[in-house]
Protein backbone atom coordinates (compact mmCIF):
# COMPACT_ATOMS: atom_id res chain seq x y z
CA UNK A 1 0.95 -29.55 0.16
CA UNK A 2 -2.02 -28.10 2.01
CA UNK A 3 -3.41 -24.60 1.43
CA UNK A 4 -2.36 -23.62 4.95
CA UNK A 5 1.24 -24.66 4.26
CA UNK A 6 1.26 -22.68 1.03
CA UNK A 7 -0.11 -19.62 2.83
CA UNK A 8 2.58 -19.90 5.51
CA UNK A 9 5.26 -20.00 2.82
CA UNK A 10 3.61 -16.99 1.17
CA UNK A 11 3.49 -15.00 4.40
CA UNK A 12 7.12 -15.78 5.24
CA UNK A 13 8.28 -14.89 1.72
CA UNK A 14 6.22 -11.71 1.80
CA UNK A 15 7.58 -10.73 5.20
CA UNK A 16 11.19 -11.23 4.13
CA UNK A 17 10.66 -9.39 0.85
CA UNK A 18 8.90 -6.52 2.60
CA UNK A 19 11.58 -5.99 5.24
CA UNK A 20 14.41 -6.29 2.71
CA UNK A 21 14.07 -2.58 1.87
CA UNK A 22 13.84 -1.48 5.49
CA UNK A 23 17.60 -0.84 5.96
CA UNK A 24 17.66 1.34 2.82
CA UNK A 25 14.54 3.26 3.88
CA UNK A 26 15.94 3.89 7.35
CA UNK A 27 19.26 5.07 5.93
CA UNK A 28 17.65 7.41 3.40
CA UNK A 29 15.25 8.90 5.95
CA UNK A 30 18.06 9.47 8.47
CA UNK A 31 20.70 10.82 6.08
CA UNK A 32 18.55 12.15 3.21
CA UNK A 33 21.37 10.84 1.00
CA UNK A 34 20.02 9.43 -2.26
CA UNK A 35 22.83 10.24 -4.69
CA UNK A 36 23.76 6.59 -5.29
CA UNK A 37 20.16 5.42 -5.70
CA UNK A 38 18.76 4.98 -9.20
CA UNK A 39 15.35 6.64 -9.56
CA UNK A 40 14.60 4.60 -12.67
CA UNK A 41 15.26 1.35 -10.81
CA UNK A 42 12.85 2.30 -8.04
CA UNK A 43 10.18 3.47 -10.49
CA UNK A 44 10.36 0.16 -12.35
CA UNK A 45 10.31 -1.71 -9.03
CA UNK A 46 7.30 0.34 -7.89
CA UNK A 47 5.38 -0.44 -11.09
CA UNK A 48 6.12 -4.15 -10.71
CA UNK A 49 5.00 -4.13 -7.08
CA UNK A 50 1.77 -2.33 -7.99
CA UNK A 51 1.05 -4.96 -10.64
CA UNK A 52 1.70 -7.75 -8.11
CA UNK A 53 -0.62 -5.97 -5.69
CA UNK A 54 -3.37 -5.74 -8.31
CA UNK A 55 -2.84 -9.41 -9.15
CA UNK A 56 -3.06 -10.31 -5.46
CA UNK A 57 -6.29 -8.35 -5.07
CA UNK A 58 -7.86 -9.90 -8.16
CA UNK A 59 -6.92 -13.43 -7.09
CA UNK A 60 -7.63 -12.74 -3.39
CA UNK A 61 -4.14 -13.85 -2.47
CA UNK A 62 -3.71 -12.31 0.97
CA UNK A 63 0.04 -12.95 1.34
CA UNK A 64 0.59 -11.07 -1.93
CA UNK A 65 -1.75 -8.26 -0.91
CA UNK A 66 -0.11 -7.73 2.48
CA UNK A 67 3.48 -8.01 1.29
CA UNK A 68 3.06 -5.77 -1.71
CA UNK A 69 1.05 -3.16 0.21
CA UNK A 70 3.95 -2.80 2.64
CA UNK A 71 6.54 -2.79 -0.14
CA UNK A 72 4.63 -0.11 -2.07
CA UNK A 73 4.97 2.17 0.96
CA UNK A 74 8.70 1.58 1.40
CA UNK A 75 9.37 1.97 -2.32
CA UNK A 76 7.35 5.19 -2.49
CA UNK A 77 9.32 6.51 0.48
CA UNK A 78 12.59 5.97 -1.39
CA UNK A 79 11.18 7.54 -4.56
CA UNK A 80 9.87 10.55 -2.63
CA UNK A 81 13.23 11.14 -0.96
CA UNK A 82 15.09 10.64 -4.24
CA UNK A 83 12.92 13.27 -5.98
CA UNK A 84 13.10 15.69 -3.03
CA UNK A 85 16.81 15.38 -2.21
CA UNK A 86 18.24 14.19 -5.53
């Protein structure tokens, strides 16, 4: 498989992974309802995403860098709302 094909797979996977949290982020921002969300789960997820981002930067893997940069923002949004609104 060519490098271009692998990058396309990476970008598609990254896009899908990144937008997977979008419905939750939109709901939390609109309703400020975070009672059923586990803070610990999102903290662990955030730490994993940060490590993937660091790995992507160190290996210069642009699909990983882009996807995880976006996901860090959405995950931090959820964490912020969870801390602020409980």
